[in-house]
Amino acid sequence: MKRIFLVFILISGIPAVPVHFVADAKSGESSPVIEVHDVKGFFENIGPSRTIVLAPGVYDVRGARGIVTSWVNCRRSEPVIGHVNGLTIRGGRGVEIMNGRNAGYVLTFDDCGNITIDGLVLGHEKDTEQCNGGVVCFENSVSVKIVNCDIYGCGLYGISVDQVRGLTVTDSTIRDCAIGALVINEGFDIRFNRCVFSGTEGHELFSLSRTSGCTVSDSVVKDNKSDTVIFSIDAVSNGISVVRTRFENNRAARLSDAEGRITFTDAVFAGNGFDATGG
């Protein structure tokens, strides 16, 4: 049985935020569930062992400039979440986190663990200028989950991974990016389940380097255009597999450049402009 306590916390002069402390009867440990309503409150309440619930609205990360805490810093004028373990960020209908400028990421995590992002729309404001940033970035992190999210461009990449062990993306969409859906460097145990990858026009849709164990399963890859390949996989990556996934109306020179380092099991190909047997 869990016990729930409701309190209000005043932090550094900002308006009080409601906090539910959920206590587990067996362990006796409690963790806060913090409700926020604006982008400053969101970043100021980032920290370990907590759940942050965002009220409906648009959260533009430009409003977080200048915020520095034990867990949030700035890199090239964008907020970076660092050294956090056990953080859940939860949204729902009508919740969007976006970057209203054409440079920088929407959310960046560095040296984090046990991170869950659930029920969010994340992306860049579309404009006529060339976009120079991505959407979600994970660096030097472990045990990350993305669930029920809509990740959209014009960001360069939907998800960027550098030295991450254990990333699972489930029931999510990655769409309309400027270069590719994913770029993964030194990723280990990476999984995409029941995802949709659509509308990206650029270079490699999936770019993997120095990666071991990456699976795309029960997903849909549709309406993408690449001037090279769908899957770009370097010579030292291994254990790359695609299972029960449908490829529909994609355009690329080839399906992959992996030369046997990727396996396709029960994949379906329909209306694509590449050789389905390539790679």
Protein backbone atom coordinates (compact mmCIF):
# COMPACT_ATOMS: atom_id res chain seq x y z
CA MET A 1 0.00 0.00 0.00
CA LYS A 2 1.16 3.52 -0.76
CA ARG A 3 0.53 6.65 1.24
CA ILE A 4 0.17 10.02 -0.45
CA PHE A 5 0.89 13.32 1.24
CA LEU A 6 0.16 16.70 -0.39
CA VAL A 7 2.28 19.71 0.46
CA PHE A 8 3.29 22.95 -1.22
CA ILE A 9 6.95 23.91 -1.59
CA LEU A 10 8.32 27.40 -2.06
CA ILE A 11 11.62 27.35 -3.96
CA SER A 12 13.85 30.43 -4.21
CA GLY A 13 10.99 32.86 -4.23
CA ILE A 14 9.06 31.25 -7.08
CA PRO A 15 5.37 30.40 -6.61
CA ALA A 16 4.66 27.30 -4.54
CA VAL A 17 4.24 24.06 -6.48
CA PRO A 18 2.04 21.19 -5.34
CA VAL A 19 4.00 18.08 -4.40
CA HIS A 20 2.56 14.65 -3.70
CA PHE A 21 4.86 12.45 -1.63
CA VAL A 22 4.14 8.83 -2.46
CA ALA A 23 5.36 6.50 0.29
CA ASP A 24 5.77 2.77 -0.19
CA ALA A 25 4.47 0.89 2.85
CA LYS A 26 7.02 -1.93 2.45
CA SER A 27 10.21 0.07 2.03
CA GLY A 28 9.12 3.18 3.86
CA GLU A 29 10.73 5.28 1.14
CA SER A 30 8.85 8.18 -0.40
CA SER A 31 9.39 10.08 -3.61
CA PRO A 32 7.85 13.38 -4.67
CA VAL A 33 5.47 13.86 -7.59
CA ILE A 34 5.77 17.54 -8.50
CA GLU A 35 3.23 19.38 -10.62
CA VAL A 36 4.53 22.27 -12.77
CA HIS A 37 2.81 24.77 -15.04
CA ASP A 38 5.59 26.69 -16.79
CA VAL A 39 9.05 26.09 -18.21
CA LYS A 40 10.90 27.78 -15.34
CA GLY A 41 9.11 25.67 -12.79
CA PHE A 42 9.88 22.59 -14.86
CA PHE A 43 13.65 23.08 -14.96
CA GLU A 44 13.92 24.48 -11.43
CA ASN A 45 12.34 21.30 -10.08
CA ILE A 46 14.55 18.86 -12.02
CA GLY A 47 16.37 16.50 -9.67
CA PRO A 48 16.87 12.86 -8.67
CA SER A 49 14.28 10.38 -7.40
CA ARG A 50 11.16 12.27 -8.40
CA THR A 51 8.37 12.52 -10.95
CA ILE A 52 7.58 15.82 -12.62
CA VAL A 53 4.07 16.13 -14.08
CA LEU A 54 3.57 18.91 -16.62
CA ALA A 55 0.22 20.64 -16.84
CA PRO A 56 -1.21 21.14 -20.36
CA GLY A 57 0.57 23.90 -22.27
CA VAL A 58 3.58 24.71 -24.44
CA TYR A 59 6.95 24.80 -22.64
CA ASP A 60 9.53 26.72 -24.70
CA VAL A 61 13.02 25.93 -23.40
CA ARG A 62 14.16 29.44 -24.31
CA GLY A 63 12.41 30.46 -21.12
CA ALA A 64 14.91 28.39 -19.12
CA ARG A 65 17.92 30.49 -20.08
CA GLY A 66 19.93 31.49 -17.05
CA ILE A 67 18.58 28.72 -14.81
CA VAL A 68 21.43 26.99 -12.98
CA THR A 69 20.83 24.43 -10.24
CA SER A 70 22.62 21.37 -8.90
CA TRP A 71 21.02 19.39 -11.73
CA VAL A 72 20.61 21.90 -14.59
CA ASN A 73 23.28 23.89 -16.37
CA CYS A 74 23.55 25.77 -19.63
CA ARG A 75 25.51 24.72 -22.69
CA ARG A 76 25.53 27.08 -25.64
CA SER A 77 22.49 28.82 -24.11
CA GLU A 78 20.46 25.58 -23.91
CA PRO A 79 19.58 23.83 -20.63
CA VAL A 80 21.35 20.53 -19.91
CA ILE A 81 20.09 18.07 -17.29
CA GLY A 82 23.05 16.40 -15.63
CA HIS A 83 23.98 13.84 -12.93
CA VAL A 84 20.35 12.90 -12.24
CA ASN A 85 19.19 9.41 -11.31
CA GLY A 86 15.58 8.26 -11.04
CA LEU A 87 13.76 11.09 -12.83
CA THR A 88 10.41 10.68 -14.59
CA ILE A 89 9.03 13.49 -16.77
CA ARG A 90 5.36 12.91 -17.51
CA GLY A 91 2.96 14.80 -19.72
CA GLY A 92 -0.32 14.00 -21.38
CA ARG A 93 -2.79 15.49 -23.80
CA GLY A 94 -1.90 19.10 -24.62
CA VAL A 95 1.66 19.04 -23.24
CA GLU A 96 4.49 20.10 -25.57
CA ILE A 97 8.13 20.93 -24.87
CA MET A 98 9.70 22.82 -27.74
CA ASN A 99 12.66 24.95 -28.72
CA GLY A 100 11.56 28.12 -30.45
CA ARG A 101 15.00 28.78 -31.95
CA ASN A 102 16.66 26.93 -34.80
CA ALA A 103 19.74 25.87 -32.82
CA GLY A 104 20.20 23.66 -29.80
CA TYR A 105 18.35 20.63 -28.48
CA VAL A 106 14.98 20.57 -26.80
CA LEU A 107 16.11 18.25 -23.98
CA THR A 108 19.68 17.13 -23.27
CA PHE A 109 20.68 14.61 -20.59
CA ASP A 110 24.33 14.08 -19.58
CA ASP A 111 25.55 11.50 -17.06
CA CYS A 112 22.04 10.45 -16.05
CA GLY A 113 20.42 7.14 -15.14
CA ASN A 114 16.95 5.65 -14.81
CA ILE A 115 15.28 8.39 -16.83
CA THR A 116 11.70 8.06 -18.12
CA ILE A 117 10.04 10.47 -20.56
CA ASP A 118 6.34 9.69 -20.88
CA GLY A 119 3.52 11.24 -22.86
CA LEU A 120 5.23 14.32 -24.33
CA VAL A 121 5.30 16.13 -27.65
CA LEU A 122 8.85 17.38 -28.26
CA GLY A 123 10.23 19.35 -31.20
CA HIS A 124 11.47 22.49 -32.86
CA GLU A 125 9.40 25.39 -34.04
CA LYS A 126 9.29 25.17 -37.82
CA ASP A 127 10.56 28.19 -39.73
CA THR A 128 12.20 29.00 -43.04
CA GLU A 129 15.73 29.12 -41.64
CA GLN A 130 18.00 26.10 -41.64
CA CYS A 131 17.73 24.18 -38.39
CA ASN A 132 20.96 23.46 -36.51
CA GLY A 133 19.74 21.53 -33.49
CA GLY A 134 18.23 18.18 -32.54
CA VAL A 135 15.31 17.20 -30.36
CA VAL A 136 16.34 14.77 -27.58
CA CYS A 137 19.97 14.01 -26.71
CA PHE A 138 21.40 11.47 -24.25
CA GLU A 139 25.10 11.41 -23.38
CA ASN A 140 27.02 9.15 -20.96
CA SER A 141 23.79 7.77 -19.55
CA VAL A 142 22.17 4.45 -18.60
CA SER A 143 18.64 3.01 -18.42
CA VAL A 144 16.52 5.45 -20.39
CA LYS A 145 12.88 4.95 -21.38
CA ILE A 146 10.80 7.00 -23.82
CA VAL A 147 7.10 6.07 -23.88
CA ASN A 148 4.13 7.48 -25.81
CA CYS A 149 6.02 10.48 -27.19
CA ASP A 150 5.75 12.43 -30.45
CA ILE A 151 9.22 13.66 -31.43
CA TYR A 152 9.22 15.99 -34.43
CA GLY A 153 11.56 18.14 -36.54
CA CYS A 154 12.70 20.35 -38.05
CA GLY A 155 15.40 19.18 -35.65
CA LEU A 156 18.45 17.62 -37.32
CA TYR A 157 17.86 14.30 -35.51
CA GLY A 158 14.91 13.12 -33.46
CA ILE A 159 17.05 11.18 -30.97
CA SER A 160 20.82 11.52 -30.52
CA VAL A 161 22.71 8.97 -28.42
CA ASP A 162 26.37 9.09 -27.37
CA GLN A 163 27.74 6.50 -24.95
CA VAL A 164 24.43 5.18 -23.64
CA ARG A 165 23.66 1.73 -22.25
CA GLY A 166 20.01 0.71 -22.16
CA LEU A 167 17.61 2.91 -24.18
CA THR A 168 14.06 1.70 -24.85
CA VAL A 169 11.61 3.71 -26.97
CA THR A 170 8.04 2.39 -27.02
CA ASP A 171 4.80 3.46 -28.74
CA SER A 172 6.38 6.68 -30.01
CA THR A 173 6.66 8.63 -33.27
CA ILE A 174 9.82 10.23 -34.68
CA ARG A 175 9.02 12.41 -37.67
CA ASP A 176 9.88 15.27 -40.00
CA CYS A 177 13.56 15.63 -39.11
CA ALA A 178 16.09 17.47 -41.26
CA ILE A 179 18.87 14.83 -41.46
CA GLY A 180 17.80 11.59 -39.80
CA ALA A 181 15.55 10.02 -37.20
CA LEU A 182 18.35 8.55 -35.09
CA VAL A 183 22.08 9.01 -34.65
CA ILE A 184 23.68 6.54 -32.24
CA ASN A 185 27.34 6.47 -31.24
CA GLU A 186 28.50 3.86 -28.74
CA GLY A 187 25.03 2.66 -27.92
CA PHE A 188 24.47 -0.65 -26.14
CA ASP A 189 21.14 -2.45 -25.75
CA ILE A 190 19.02 -0.01 -27.76
CA ARG A 191 15.40 -0.97 -28.49
CA PHE A 192 12.56 0.60 -30.47
CA ASN A 193 9.19 -1.13 -30.01
CA ARG A 194 5.96 -0.24 -31.82
CA CYS A 195 7.36 3.05 -33.13
CA VAL A 196 6.64 5.07 -36.28
CA PHE A 197 9.46 6.75 -38.23
CA SER A 198 8.02 9.06 -40.87
CA GLY A 199 8.42 12.19 -42.95
CA THR A 200 12.18 12.69 -42.55
CA GLU A 201 14.06 14.01 -45.60
CA GLY A 202 17.84 14.11 -45.39
CA HIS A 203 20.71 11.67 -45.24
CA GLU A 204 20.83 8.35 -43.34
CA LEU A 205 17.56 7.73 -41.53
CA PHE A 206 19.27 5.46 -38.96
CA SER A 207 22.96 6.19 -38.35
CA LEU A 208 24.79 3.78 -36.04
CA SER A 209 28.47 3.72 -35.09
CA ARG A 210 30.32 1.62 -32.50
CA THR A 211 26.95 0.23 -31.41
CA SER A 212 26.19 -3.23 -30.06
CA GLY A 213 22.67 -4.60 -29.80
CA CYS A 214 20.07 -2.37 -31.47
CA THR A 215 16.62 -3.71 -32.36
CA VAL A 216 13.69 -2.11 -34.18
CA SER A 217 10.60 -4.28 -33.73
CA ASP A 218 6.88 -4.16 -34.59
CA SER A 219 7.35 -0.68 -36.06
CA VAL A 220 6.55 1.29 -39.23
CA VAL A 221 9.07 3.16 -41.39
CA LYS A 222 7.21 5.23 -43.96
CA ASP A 223 7.34 8.28 -46.22
CA ASN A 224 11.03 9.06 -45.63
CA LYS A 225 13.55 10.31 -48.21
CA SER A 226 17.29 9.77 -48.01
CA ASP A 227 19.99 10.77 -50.49
CA THR A 228 22.04 7.78 -49.30
CA VAL A 229 20.71 4.82 -47.27
CA ILE A 230 18.02 4.05 -44.71
CA PHE A 231 20.46 2.24 -42.38
CA SER A 232 24.07 3.41 -42.12
CA ILE A 233 26.07 1.07 -39.87
CA ASP A 234 29.82 1.23 -39.38
CA ALA A 235 32.17 -1.75 -39.53
CA VAL A 236 32.49 -2.26 -35.76
CA SER A 237 28.78 -2.25 -34.91
CA ASN A 238 27.06 -5.58 -34.37
CA GLY A 239 23.81 -7.17 -33.28
CA ILE A 240 21.61 -4.85 -35.34
CA SER A 241 18.19 -6.34 -36.13
CA VAL A 242 14.82 -5.36 -37.55
CA VAL A 243 11.84 -7.55 -36.62
CA ARG A 244 8.22 -7.51 -37.86
CA THR A 245 8.59 -3.97 -39.21
CA ARG A 246 6.89 -2.48 -42.27
CA PHE A 247 8.76 -0.25 -44.75
CA GLU A 248 6.38 1.76 -46.90
CA ASN A 249 6.86 4.53 -49.50
CA ASN A 250 10.47 5.32 -48.59
CA ARG A 251 13.02 6.68 -51.06
CA ALA A 252 16.77 6.01 -50.78
CA ALA A 253 19.69 4.79 -52.86
CA ARG A 254 19.83 1.58 -50.80
CA LEU A 255 18.23 0.02 -47.78
CA SER A 256 21.56 -0.28 -45.94
CA ASP A 257 25.33 -0.16 -46.29
CA ALA A 258 25.81 -2.74 -43.54
CA GLU A 259 27.13 -5.63 -45.66
CA GLY A 260 25.49 -8.32 -43.55
CA ARG A 261 25.76 -6.59 -40.16
CA ILE A 262 21.99 -6.10 -40.00
CA THR A 263 19.28 -8.78 -40.07
CA PHE A 264 15.66 -8.41 -41.19
CA THR A 265 13.11 -10.89 -39.82
CA ASP A 266 9.49 -10.89 -41.02
CA ALA A 267 9.89 -7.39 -42.44
CA VAL A 268 7.40 -6.13 -45.04
CA PHE A 269 8.36 -3.85 -47.94
CA ALA A 270 5.78 -1.96 -50.01
CA GLY A 271 6.11 0.93 -52.49
CA ASN A 272 9.71 1.80 -51.64
CA GLY A 273 12.27 3.33 -53.99
CA PHE A 274 15.25 1.19 -53.00
CA ASP A 275 16.44 -2.39 -53.35
CA ALA A 276 14.94 -4.22 -50.35
CA THR A 277 17.72 -6.81 -50.54
CA GLY A 278 20.56 -4.27 -50.38
CA GLY A 279 22.91 -4.61 -47.40
